[in-house]
Amino acid sequence: TKRRALGIPTVKDRVVQSAAAIVLQPIWEADFHDHSYAYRP
């Protein structure tokens, strides 16, 4: 009964976002709580 909105970026935007995520991931990892599991390598 409930709907969740998803935003679908273009392929080009996903490629650039993926590159940015690779660069930014180590920065965020240093801040995350040890018991946080979602969306982490």
PDB file of all heavy atoms in Angstrom:
ATOM      1  N   THR A   1       0.818  -1.212   0.000  1.00  0.00           N
ATOM      2  CA  THR A   1       0.000   0.000   0.000  1.00  0.00           C
ATOM      3  C   THR A   1       0.848   1.256   0.000  1.00  0.00           C
ATOM      4  O   THR A   1       0.409   2.285  -0.480  1.00  0.00           O
ATOM      5  CB  THR A   1      -0.926   0.029   1.230  1.00  0.00           C
ATOM      6  OG1 THR A   1      -0.118  -0.089   2.416  1.00  0.00           O
ATOM      7  CG2 THR A   1      -1.924  -1.116   1.182  1.00  0.00           C
ATOM      8  N   LYS A   2       2.045   1.186   0.547  1.00  0.00           N
ATOM      9  CA  LYS A   2       2.914   2.359   0.602  1.00  0.00           C
ATOM     10  C   LYS A   2       3.873   2.341  -0.570  1.00  0.00           C
ATOM     11  O   LYS A   2       4.327   1.289  -1.005  1.00  0.00           O
ATOM     12  CB  LYS A   2       3.706   2.396   1.910  1.00  0.00           C
ATOM     13  CG  LYS A   2       2.838   2.572   3.128  1.00  0.00           C
ATOM     14  CD  LYS A   2       3.686   2.622   4.378  1.00  0.00           C
ATOM     15  CE  LYS A   2       2.812   2.738   5.607  1.00  0.00           C
ATOM     16  NZ  LYS A   2       3.613   2.741   6.831  1.00  0.00           N
ATOM     17  N   ARG A   3       4.177   3.557  -1.067  1.00  0.00           N
ATOM     18  CA  ARG A   3       5.108   3.667  -2.191  1.00  0.00           C
ATOM     19  C   ARG A   3       6.343   4.441  -1.759  1.00  0.00           C
ATOM     20  O   ARG A   3       6.272   5.354  -0.956  1.00  0.00           O
ATOM     21  CB  ARG A   3       4.447   4.411  -3.357  1.00  0.00           C
ATOM     22  CG  ARG A   3       3.230   3.731  -3.874  1.00  0.00           C
ATOM     23  CD  ARG A   3       2.611   4.450  -5.047  1.00  0.00           C
ATOM     24  NE  ARG A   3       2.623   5.893  -4.928  1.00  0.00           N
ATOM     25  CZ  ARG A   3       2.545   6.728  -5.953  1.00  0.00           C
ATOM     26  NH1 ARG A   3       2.432   6.271  -7.175  1.00  0.00           N
ATOM     27  NH2 ARG A   3       2.557   8.029  -5.768  1.00  0.00           N
ATOM     28  N   ARG A   4       7.482   4.080  -2.331  1.00  0.00           N
ATOM     29  CA  ARG A   4       8.739   4.790  -2.090  1.00  0.00           C
ATOM     30  C   ARG A   4       9.181   5.392  -3.415  1.00  0.00           C
ATOM     31  O   ARG A   4       9.220   4.714  -4.435  1.00  0.00           O
ATOM     32  CB  ARG A   4       9.799   3.836  -1.575  1.00  0.00           C
ATOM     33  CG  ARG A   4      11.197   4.479  -1.531  1.00  0.00           C
ATOM     34  CD  ARG A   4      12.244   3.574  -0.958  1.00  0.00           C
ATOM     35  NE  ARG A   4      12.021   3.488   0.478  1.00  0.00           N
ATOM     36  CZ  ARG A   4      12.154   2.381   1.182  1.00  0.00           C
ATOM     37  NH1 ARG A   4      12.485   1.265   0.619  1.00  0.00           N
ATOM     38  NH2 ARG A   4      11.951   2.394   2.489  1.00  0.00           N
ATOM     39  N   ALA A   5       9.521   6.673  -3.361  1.00  0.00           N
ATOM     40  CA  ALA A   5      10.007   7.346  -4.563  1.00  0.00           C
ATOM     41  C   ALA A   5      11.478   7.008  -4.770  1.00  0.00           C
ATOM     42  O   ALA A   5      12.275   7.059  -3.840  1.00  0.00           O
ATOM     43  CB  ALA A   5       9.839   8.857  -4.420  1.00  0.00           C
ATOM     44  N   LEU A   6      11.823   6.640  -5.988  1.00  0.00           N
ATOM     45  CA  LEU A   6      13.211   6.426  -6.374  1.00  0.00           C
ATOM     46  C   LEU A   6      13.577   7.456  -7.428  1.00  0.00           C
ATOM     47  O   LEU A   6      12.751   7.809  -8.268  1.00  0.00           O
ATOM     48  CB  LEU A   6      13.416   5.024  -6.959  1.00  0.00           C
ATOM     49  CG  LEU A   6      13.248   3.835  -6.045  1.00  0.00           C
ATOM     50  CD1 LEU A   6      13.533   2.551  -6.813  1.00  0.00           C
ATOM     51  CD2 LEU A   6      14.154   3.936  -4.835  1.00  0.00           C
ATOM     52  N   GLY A   7      14.796   7.918  -7.395  1.00  0.00           N
ATOM     53  CA  GLY A   7      15.307   8.824  -8.416  1.00  0.00           C
ATOM     54  C   GLY A   7      16.304   8.072  -9.271  1.00  0.00           C
ATOM     55  O   GLY A   7      17.308   7.569  -8.766  1.00  0.00           O
ATOM     56  N   ILE A   8      16.031   7.975 -10.553  1.00  0.00           N
ATOM     57  CA  ILE A   8      16.892   7.213 -11.454  1.00  0.00           C
ATOM     58  C   ILE A   8      17.754   8.187 -12.265  1.00  0.00           C
ATOM     59  O   ILE A   8      17.256   8.855 -13.165  1.00  0.00           O
ATOM     60  CB  ILE A   8      16.062   6.341 -12.419  1.00  0.00           C
ATOM     61  CG1 ILE A   8      14.998   5.527 -11.677  1.00  0.00           C
ATOM     62  CG2 ILE A   8      16.975   5.453 -13.262  1.00  0.00           C
ATOM     63  CD1 ILE A   8      15.532   4.531 -10.690  1.00  0.00           C
ATOM     64  N   PRO A   9      19.045   8.285 -11.939  1.00  0.00           N
ATOM     65  CA  PRO A   9      19.925   9.154 -12.717  1.00  0.00           C
ATOM     66  C   PRO A   9      20.276   8.515 -14.062  1.00  0.00           C
ATOM     67  O   PRO A   9      20.137   7.304 -14.234  1.00  0.00           O
ATOM     68  CB  PRO A   9      21.185   9.286 -11.857  1.00  0.00           C
ATOM     69  CG  PRO A   9      21.006   8.422 -10.677  1.00  0.00           C
ATOM     70  CD  PRO A   9      19.724   7.661 -10.822  1.00  0.00           C
ATOM     71  N   THR A  10      20.766   9.325 -14.969  1.00  0.00           N
ATOM     72  CA  THR A  10      21.208   8.810 -16.262  1.00  0.00           C
ATOM     73  C   THR A  10      22.482   7.977 -16.077  1.00  0.00           C
ATOM     74  O   THR A  10      23.138   8.048 -15.033  1.00  0.00           O
ATOM     75  CB  THR A  10      21.512   9.958 -17.245  1.00  0.00           C
ATOM     76  OG1 THR A  10      22.576  10.741 -16.705  1.00  0.00           O
ATOM     77  CG2 THR A  10      20.283  10.825 -17.498  1.00  0.00           C
ATOM     78  N   VAL A  11      22.829   7.217 -17.091  1.00  0.00           N
ATOM     79  CA  VAL A  11      24.049   6.409 -17.054  1.00  0.00           C
ATOM     80  C   VAL A  11      25.256   7.318 -16.816  1.00  0.00           C
ATOM     81  O   VAL A  11      26.120   7.024 -15.978  1.00  0.00           O
ATOM     82  CB  VAL A  11      24.216   5.595 -18.356  1.00  0.00           C
ATOM     83  CG1 VAL A  11      25.577   4.915 -18.407  1.00  0.00           C
ATOM     84  CG2 VAL A  11      23.091   4.580 -18.501  1.00  0.00           C
ATOM     85  N   LYS A  12      25.305   8.431 -17.538  1.00  0.00           N
ATOM     86  CA  LYS A  12      26.437   9.359 -17.391  1.00  0.00           C
ATOM     87  C   LYS A  12      26.550   9.832 -15.944  1.00  0.00           C
ATOM     88  O   LYS A  12      27.637   9.838 -15.358  1.00  0.00           O
ATOM     89  CB  LYS A  12      26.256  10.566 -18.310  1.00  0.00           C
ATOM     90  CG  LYS A  12      27.403  11.564 -18.205  1.00  0.00           C
ATOM     91  CD  LYS A  12      27.112  12.851 -18.952  1.00  0.00           C
ATOM     92  CE  LYS A  12      27.305  12.690 -20.429  1.00  0.00           C
ATOM     93  NZ  LYS A  12      27.252  13.985 -21.146  1.00  0.00           N
ATOM     94  N   ASP A  13      25.426  10.210 -15.348  1.00  0.00           N
ATOM     95  CA  ASP A  13      25.456  10.691 -13.966  1.00  0.00           C
ATOM     96  C   ASP A  13      25.848   9.579 -12.997  1.00  0.00           C
ATOM     97  O   ASP A  13      26.590   9.816 -12.037  1.00  0.00           O
ATOM     98  CB  ASP A  13      24.107  11.287 -13.578  1.00  0.00           C
ATOM     99  CG  ASP A  13      23.808  12.576 -14.332  1.00  0.00           C
ATOM    100  OD1 ASP A  13      24.753  13.211 -14.845  1.00  0.00           O
ATOM    101  OD2 ASP A  13      22.614  12.943 -14.418  1.00  0.00           O
ATOM    102  N   ARG A  14      25.404   8.338 -13.263  1.00  0.00           N
ATOM    103  CA  ARG A  14      25.789   7.227 -12.386  1.00  0.00           C
ATOM    104  C   ARG A  14      27.284   6.946 -12.467  1.00  0.00           C
ATOM    105  O   ARG A  14      27.908   6.602 -11.460  1.00  0.00           O
ATOM    106  CB  ARG A  14      24.985   5.973 -12.721  1.00  0.00           C
ATOM    107  CG  ARG A  14      23.575   6.044 -12.143  1.00  0.00           C
ATOM    108  CD  ARG A  14      22.834   4.762 -12.348  1.00  0.00           C
ATOM    109  NE  ARG A  14      22.257   4.781 -13.690  1.00  0.00           N
ATOM    110  CZ  ARG A  14      21.942   3.706 -14.395  1.00  0.00           C
ATOM    111  NH1 ARG A  14      22.157   2.508 -13.920  1.00  0.00           N
ATOM    112  NH2 ARG A  14      21.416   3.823 -15.584  1.00  0.00           N
ATOM    113  N   VAL A  15      27.867   7.091 -13.646  1.00  0.00           N
ATOM    114  CA  VAL A  15      29.309   6.869 -13.792  1.00  0.00           C
ATOM    115  C   VAL A  15      30.081   7.914 -12.987  1.00  0.00           C
ATOM    116  O   VAL A  15      31.006   7.580 -12.228  1.00  0.00           O
ATOM    117  CB  VAL A  15      29.719   6.889 -15.283  1.00  0.00           C
ATOM    118  CG1 VAL A  15      31.231   6.960 -15.434  1.00  0.00           C
ATOM    119  CG2 VAL A  15      29.166   5.657 -15.999  1.00  0.00           C
ATOM    120  N   VAL A  16      29.697   9.173 -13.111  1.00  0.00           N
ATOM    121  CA  VAL A  16      30.396  10.236 -12.382  1.00  0.00           C
ATOM    122  C   VAL A  16      30.161  10.084 -10.882  1.00  0.00           C
ATOM    123  O   VAL A  16      31.087  10.244 -10.073  1.00  0.00           O
ATOM    124  CB  VAL A  16      29.967  11.634 -12.885  1.00  0.00           C
ATOM    125  CG1 VAL A  16      30.684  12.729 -12.108  1.00  0.00           C
ATOM    126  CG2 VAL A  16      30.257  11.777 -14.374  1.00  0.00           C
ATOM    127  N   GLN A  17      28.937   9.750 -10.491  1.00  0.00           N
ATOM    128  CA  GLN A  17      28.654   9.544  -9.070  1.00  0.00           C
ATOM    129  C   GLN A  17      29.454   8.367  -8.511  1.00  0.00           C
ATOM    130  O   GLN A  17      29.943   8.426  -7.375  1.00  0.00           O
ATOM    131  CB  GLN A  17      27.157   9.306  -8.852  1.00  0.00           C
ATOM    132  CG  GLN A  17      26.312  10.547  -9.026  1.00  0.00           C
ATOM    133  CD  GLN A  17      24.834  10.266  -8.824  1.00  0.00           C
ATOM    134  OE1 GLN A  17      24.434   9.208  -8.336  1.00  0.00           O
ATOM    135  NE2 GLN A  17      24.001  11.230  -9.188  1.00  0.00           N
ATOM    136  N   SER A  18      29.620   7.327  -9.294  1.00  0.00           N
ATOM    137  CA  SER A  18      30.412   6.169  -8.845  1.00  0.00           C
ATOM    138  C   SER A  18      31.861   6.561  -8.613  1.00  0.00           C
ATOM    139  O   SER A  18      32.477   6.147  -7.620  1.00  0.00           O
ATOM    140  CB  SER A  18      30.341   5.032  -9.868  1.00  0.00           C
ATOM    141  OG  SER A  18      29.040   4.512  -9.944  1.00  0.00           O
ATOM    142  N   ALA A  19      32.401   7.365  -9.516  1.00  0.00           N
ATOM    143  CA  ALA A  19      33.786   7.828  -9.349  1.00  0.00           C
ATOM    144  C   ALA A  19      33.914   8.677  -8.084  1.00  0.00           C
ATOM    145  O   ALA A  19      34.866   8.513  -7.300  1.00  0.00           O
ATOM    146  CB  ALA A  19      34.230   8.613 -10.576  1.00  0.00           C
ATOM    147  N   ALA A  20      32.950   9.560  -7.862  1.00  0.00           N
ATOM    148  CA  ALA A  20      32.972  10.394  -6.656  1.00  0.00           C
ATOM    149  C   ALA A  20      32.835   9.531  -5.404  1.00  0.00           C
ATOM    150  O   ALA A  20      33.522   9.763  -4.401  1.00  0.00           O
ATOM    151  CB  ALA A  20      31.861  11.442  -6.719  1.00  0.00           C
ATOM    152  N   ALA A  21      31.973   8.534  -5.451  1.00  0.00           N
ATOM    153  CA  ALA A  21      31.777   7.654  -4.291  1.00  0.00           C
ATOM    154  C   ALA A  21      33.064   6.911  -3.940  1.00  0.00           C
ATOM    155  O   ALA A  21      33.379   6.737  -2.757  1.00  0.00           O
ATOM    156  CB  ALA A  21      30.641   6.673  -4.557  1.00  0.00           C
ATOM    157  N   ILE A  22      33.810   6.480  -4.950  1.00  0.00           N
ATOM    158  CA  ILE A  22      35.076   5.780  -4.705  1.00  0.00           C
ATOM    159  C   ILE A  22      36.047   6.698  -3.961  1.00  0.00           C
ATOM    160  O   ILE A  22      36.747   6.271  -3.041  1.00  0.00           O
ATOM    161  CB  ILE A  22      35.686   5.280  -6.031  1.00  0.00           C
ATOM    162  CG1 ILE A  22      34.849   4.119  -6.576  1.00  0.00           C
ATOM    163  CG2 ILE A  22      37.149   4.878  -5.849  1.00  0.00           C
ATOM    164  CD1 ILE A  22      35.178   3.741  -8.019  1.00  0.00           C
ATOM    165  N   VAL A  23      36.065   7.967  -4.336  1.00  0.00           N
ATOM    166  CA  VAL A  23      36.961   8.933  -3.694  1.00  0.00           C
ATOM    167  C   VAL A  23      36.478   9.279  -2.284  1.00  0.00           C
ATOM    168  O   VAL A  23      37.274   9.409  -1.351  1.00  0.00           O
ATOM    169  CB  VAL A  23      37.073  10.213  -4.557  1.00  0.00           C
ATOM    170  CG1 VAL A  23      37.813  11.317  -3.822  1.00  0.00           C
ATOM    171  CG2 VAL A  23      37.754   9.897  -5.880  1.00  0.00           C
ATOM    172  N   LEU A  24      35.161   9.425  -2.116  1.00  0.00           N
ATOM    173  CA  LEU A  24      34.611   9.885  -0.840  1.00  0.00           C
ATOM    174  C   LEU A  24      34.441   8.781   0.202  1.00  0.00           C
ATOM    175  O   LEU A  24      34.436   9.059   1.406  1.00  0.00           O
ATOM    176  CB  LEU A  24      33.257  10.562  -1.078  1.00  0.00           C
ATOM    177  CG  LEU A  24      33.311  11.851  -1.898  1.00  0.00           C
ATOM    178  CD1 LEU A  24      31.902  12.312  -2.248  1.00  0.00           C
ATOM    179  CD2 LEU A  24      34.075  12.928  -1.153  1.00  0.00           C
ATOM    180  N   GLN A  25      34.301   7.530  -0.237  1.00  0.00           N
ATOM    181  CA  GLN A  25      34.031   6.426   0.693  1.00  0.00           C
ATOM    182  C   GLN A  25      35.002   6.356   1.874  1.00  0.00           C
ATOM    183  O   GLN A  25      34.560   6.222   3.019  1.00  0.00           O
ATOM    184  CB  GLN A  25      34.031   5.097  -0.070  1.00  0.00           C
ATOM    185  CG  GLN A  25      33.614   3.913   0.777  1.00  0.00           C
ATOM    186  CD  GLN A  25      32.128   3.863   1.033  1.00  0.00           C
ATOM    187  OE1 GLN A  25      31.351   4.113   0.139  1.00  0.00           O
ATOM    188  NE2 GLN A  25      31.743   3.566   2.245  1.00  0.00           N
ATOM    189  N   PRO A  26      36.315   6.467   1.677  1.00  0.00           N
ATOM    190  CA  PRO A  26      37.218   6.391   2.831  1.00  0.00           C
ATOM    191  C   PRO A  26      37.003   7.530   3.835  1.00  0.00           C
ATOM    192  O   PRO A  26      37.208   7.341   5.038  1.00  0.00           O
ATOM    193  CB  PRO A  26      38.616   6.486   2.207  1.00  0.00           C
ATOM    194  CG  PRO A  26      38.434   6.099   0.783  1.00  0.00           C
ATOM    195  CD  PRO A  26      37.046   6.516   0.407  1.00  0.00           C
ATOM    196  N   ILE A  27      36.592   8.677   3.356  1.00  0.00           N
ATOM    197  CA  ILE A  27      36.327   9.811   4.255  1.00  0.00           C
ATOM    198  C   ILE A  27      35.153   9.478   5.165  1.00  0.00           C
ATOM    199  O   ILE A  27      35.209   9.661   6.384  1.00  0.00           O
ATOM    200  CB  ILE A  27      36.055  11.098   3.443  1.00  0.00           C
ATOM    201  CG1 ILE A  27      37.299  11.491   2.654  1.00  0.00           C
ATOM    202  CG2 ILE A  27      35.589  12.237   4.356  1.00  0.00           C
ATOM    203  CD1 ILE A  27      37.072  12.571   1.616  1.00  0.00           C
ATOM    204  N   TRP A  28      34.058   8.969   4.557  1.00  0.00           N
ATOM    205  CA  TRP A  28      32.866   8.658   5.361  1.00  0.00           C
ATOM    206  C   TRP A  28      33.138   7.474   6.287  1.00  0.00           C
ATOM    207  O   TRP A  28      32.659   7.442   7.420  1.00  0.00           O
ATOM    208  CB  TRP A  28      31.670   8.339   4.476  1.00  0.00           C
ATOM    209  CG  TRP A  28      31.361   9.349   3.418  1.00  0.00           C
ATOM    210  CD1 TRP A  28      30.996   9.076   2.137  1.00  0.00           C
ATOM    211  CD2 TRP A  28      31.381  10.778   3.512  1.00  0.00           C
ATOM    212  NE1 TRP A  28      30.792  10.244   1.442  1.00  0.00           N
ATOM    213  CE2 TRP A  28      31.028  11.304   2.263  1.00  0.00           C
ATOM    214  CE3 TRP A  28      31.679  11.672   4.536  1.00  0.00           C
ATOM    215  CZ2 TRP A  28      30.947  12.664   2.002  1.00  0.00           C
ATOM    216  CZ3 TRP A  28      31.610  13.034   4.280  1.00  0.00           C
ATOM    217  CH2 TRP A  28      31.246  13.511   3.034  1.00  0.00           C
ATOM    218  N   GLU A  29      33.891   6.492   5.802  1.00  0.00           N
ATOM    219  CA  GLU A  29      34.165   5.297   6.602  1.00  0.00           C
ATOM    220  C   GLU A  29      34.813   5.661   7.932  1.00  0.00           C
ATOM    221  O   GLU A  29      34.551   5.024   8.951  1.00  0.00           O
ATOM    222  CB  GLU A  29      35.067   4.330   5.839  1.00  0.00           C
ATOM    223  CG  GLU A  29      34.339   3.414   4.894  1.00  0.00           C
ATOM    224  CD  GLU A  29      33.340   2.503   5.591  1.00  0.00           C
ATOM    225  OE1 GLU A  29      33.677   1.844   6.593  1.00  0.00           O
ATOM    226  OE2 GLU A  29      32.195   2.457   5.127  1.00  0.00           O
ATOM    227  N   ALA A  30      35.660   6.674   7.928  1.00  0.00           N
ATOM    228  CA  ALA A  30      36.339   7.080   9.161  1.00  0.00           C
ATOM    229  C   ALA A  30      35.352   7.597  10.205  1.00  0.00           C
ATOM    230  O   ALA A  30      35.643   7.576  11.401  1.00  0.00           O
ATOM    231  CB  ALA A  30      37.382   8.156   8.849  1.00  0.00           C
ATOM    232  N   ASP A  31      34.188   8.049   9.770  1.00  0.00           N
ATOM    233  CA  ASP A  31      33.201   8.634  10.684  1.00  0.00           C
ATOM    234  C   ASP A  31      32.094   7.672  11.108  1.00  0.00           C
ATOM    235  O   ASP A  31      31.408   7.924  12.098  1.00  0.00           O
ATOM    236  CB  ASP A  31      32.536   9.854  10.029  1.00  0.00           C
ATOM    237  CG  ASP A  31      33.509  10.995   9.807  1.00  0.00           C
ATOM    238  OD1 ASP A  31      34.549  11.043  10.493  1.00  0.00           O
ATOM    239  OD2 ASP A  31      33.227  11.848   8.956  1.00  0.00           O
ATOM    240  N   PHE A  32      31.888   6.607  10.376  1.00  0.00           N
ATOM    241  CA  PHE A  32      30.757   5.725  10.651  1.00  0.00           C
ATOM    242  C   PHE A  32      30.960   4.937  11.943  1.00  0.00           C
ATOM    243  O   PHE A  32      32.069   4.539  12.287  1.00  0.00           O
ATOM    244  CB  PHE A  32      30.537   4.739   9.504  1.00  0.00           C
ATOM    245  CG  PHE A  32      29.936   5.356   8.285  1.00  0.00           C
ATOM    246  CD1 PHE A  32      30.268   4.876   7.033  1.00  0.00           C
ATOM    247  CD2 PHE A  32      29.034   6.406   8.364  1.00  0.00           C
ATOM    248  CE1 PHE A  32      29.716   5.426   5.891  1.00  0.00           C
ATOM    249  CE2 PHE A  32      28.479   6.962   7.226  1.00  0.00           C
ATOM    250  CZ  PHE A  32      28.822   6.475   5.990  1.00  0.00           C
ATOM    251  N   HIS A  33      29.861   4.698  12.620  1.00  0.00           N
ATOM    252  CA  HIS A  33      29.863   3.871  13.829  1.00  0.00           C
ATOM    253  C   HIS A  33      30.166   2.429  13.438  1.00  0.00           C
ATOM    254  O   HIS A  33      29.745   1.953  12.387  1.00  0.00           O
ATOM    255  CB  HIS A  33      28.490   3.973  14.510  1.00  0.00           C
ATOM    256  CG  HIS A  33      28.472   3.378  15.867  1.00  0.00           C
ATOM    257  ND1 HIS A  33      28.404   2.025  16.084  1.00  0.00           N
ATOM    258  CD2 HIS A  33      28.532   3.955  17.091  1.00  0.00           C
ATOM    259  CE1 HIS A  33      28.406   1.785  17.382  1.00  0.00           C
ATOM    260  NE2 HIS A  33      28.481   2.937  18.016  1.00  0.00           N
ATOM    261  N   ASP A  34      30.884   1.747  14.306  1.00  0.00           N
ATOM    262  CA  ASP A  34      31.288   0.368  14.023  1.00  0.00           C
ATOM    263  C   ASP A  34      30.096  -0.568  13.831  1.00  0.00           C
ATOM    264  O   ASP A  34      30.199  -1.570  13.144  1.00  0.00           O
ATOM    265  CB  ASP A  34      32.191  -0.152  15.149  1.00  0.00           C
ATOM    266  CG  ASP A  34      32.870  -1.445  14.765  1.00  0.00           C
ATOM    267  OD1 ASP A  34      33.381  -1.532  13.625  1.00  0.00           O
ATOM    268  OD2 ASP A  34      32.878  -2.378  15.593  1.00  0.00           O
ATOM    269  N   HIS A  35      28.963  -0.233  14.425  1.00  0.00           N
ATOM    270  CA  HIS A  35      27.784  -1.095  14.317  1.00  0.00           C
ATOM    271  C   HIS A  35      26.815  -0.618  13.238  1.00  0.00           C
ATOM    272  O   HIS A  35      25.652  -1.003  13.227  1.00  0.00           O
ATOM    273  CB  HIS A  35      27.070  -1.203  15.662  1.00  0.00           C
ATOM    274  CG  HIS A  35      27.911  -1.851  16.711  1.00  0.00           C
ATOM    275  ND1 HIS A  35      28.344  -3.160  16.629  1.00  0.00           N
ATOM    276  CD2 HIS A  35      28.441  -1.365  17.857  1.00  0.00           C
ATOM    277  CE1 HIS A  35      29.083  -3.448  17.672  1.00  0.00           C
ATOM    278  NE2 HIS A  35      29.157  -2.380  18.430  1.00  0.00           N
ATOM    279  N   SER A  36      27.283   0.211  12.321  1.00  0.00           N
ATOM    280  CA  SER A  36      26.480   0.662  11.185  1.00  0.00           C
ATOM    281  C   SER A  36      26.815  -0.244   9.995  1.00  0.00           C
ATOM    282  O   SER A  36      27.983  -0.413   9.656  1.00  0.00           O
ATOM    283  CB  SER A  36      26.819   2.120  10.866  1.00  0.00           C
ATOM    284  OG  SER A  36      26.187   2.523   9.690  1.00  0.00           O
ATOM    285  N   TYR A  37      25.783  -0.805   9.371  1.00  0.00           N
ATOM    286  CA  TYR A  37      26.017  -1.790   8.314  1.00  0.00           C
ATOM    287  C   TYR A  37      25.513  -1.357   6.936  1.00  0.00           C
ATOM    288  O   TYR A  37      25.972  -1.884   5.928  1.00  0.00           O
ATOM    289  CB  TYR A  37      25.373  -3.128   8.690  1.00  0.00           C
ATOM    290  CG  TYR A  37      26.080  -3.788   9.839  1.00  0.00           C
ATOM    291  CD1 TYR A  37      25.721  -3.512  11.147  1.00  0.00           C
ATOM    292  CD2 TYR A  37      27.134  -4.651   9.617  1.00  0.00           C
ATOM    293  CE1 TYR A  37      26.395  -4.093  12.212  1.00  0.00           C
ATOM    294  CE2 TYR A  37      27.817  -5.245  10.664  1.00  0.00           C
ATOM    295  CZ  TYR A  37      27.436  -4.953  11.965  1.00  0.00           C
ATOM    296  OH  TYR A  37      28.113  -5.527  12.995  1.00  0.00           O
ATOM    297  N   ALA A  38      24.583  -0.455   6.889  1.00  0.00           N
ATOM    298  CA  ALA A  38      23.936  -0.122   5.612  1.00  0.00           C
ATOM    299  C   ALA A  38      24.879   0.607   4.664  1.00  0.00           C
ATOM    300  O   ALA A  38      25.573   1.546   5.053  1.00  0.00           O
ATOM    301  CB  ALA A  38      22.698   0.732   5.866  1.00  0.00           C
ATOM    302  N   TYR A  39      24.891   0.159   3.413  1.00  0.00           N
ATOM    303  CA  TYR A  39      25.604   0.825   2.318  1.00  0.00           C
ATOM    304  C   TYR A  39      27.087   1.010   2.585  1.00  0.00           C
ATOM    305  O   TYR A  39      27.673   2.035   2.242  1.00  0.00           O
ATOM    306  CB  TYR A  39      24.951   2.181   2.001  1.00  0.00           C
ATOM    307  CG  TYR A  39      23.473   2.061   1.791  1.00  0.00           C
ATOM    308  CD1 TYR A  39      22.580   2.498   2.757  1.00  0.00           C
ATOM    309  CD2 TYR A  39      22.969   1.477   0.636  1.00  0.00           C
ATOM    310  CE1 TYR A  39      21.214   2.367   2.564  1.00  0.00           C
ATOM    311  CE2 TYR A  39      21.613   1.346   0.440  1.00  0.00           C
ATOM    312  CZ  TYR A  39      20.743   1.793   1.408  1.00  0.00           C
ATOM    313  OH  TYR A  39      19.402   1.648   1.222  1.00  0.00           O
ATOM    314  N   ARG A  40      27.702   0.029   3.215  1.00  0.00           N
ATOM    315  CA  ARG A  40      29.120   0.116   3.503  1.00  0.00           C
ATOM    316  C   ARG A  40      29.847  -1.072   2.898  1.00  0.00           C
ATOM    317  O   ARG A  40      29.314  -2.172   2.857  1.00  0.00           O
ATOM    318  CB  ARG A  40      29.345   0.144   5.019  1.00  0.00           C
ATOM    319  CG  ARG A  40      28.774   1.418   5.634  1.00  0.00           C
ATOM    320  CD  ARG A  40      28.999   1.480   7.106  1.00  0.00           C
ATOM    321  NE  ARG A  40      30.416   1.531   7.425  1.00  0.00           N
ATOM    322  CZ  ARG A  40      30.869   1.382   8.669  1.00  0.00           C
ATOM    323  NH1 ARG A  40      30.048   1.171   9.666  1.00  0.00           N
ATOM    324  NH2 ARG A  40      32.162   1.442   8.898  1.00  0.00           N
ATOM    325  N   PRO A  41      31.086  -0.837   2.451  1.00  0.00           N
ATOM    326  CA  PRO A  41      31.842  -1.945   1.869  1.00  0.00           C
ATOM    327  C   PRO A  41      32.134  -3.014   2.923  1.00  0.00           C
ATOM    328  O   PRO A  41      32.378  -2.703   4.084  1.00  0.00           O
ATOM    329  CB  PRO A  41      33.131  -1.285   1.372  1.00  0.00           C
ATOM    330  CG  PRO A  41      33.220   0.019   2.055  1.00  0.00           C
ATOM    331  CD  PRO A  41      31.832   0.414   2.469  1.00  0.00           C
TER     332      PRO A  41
END
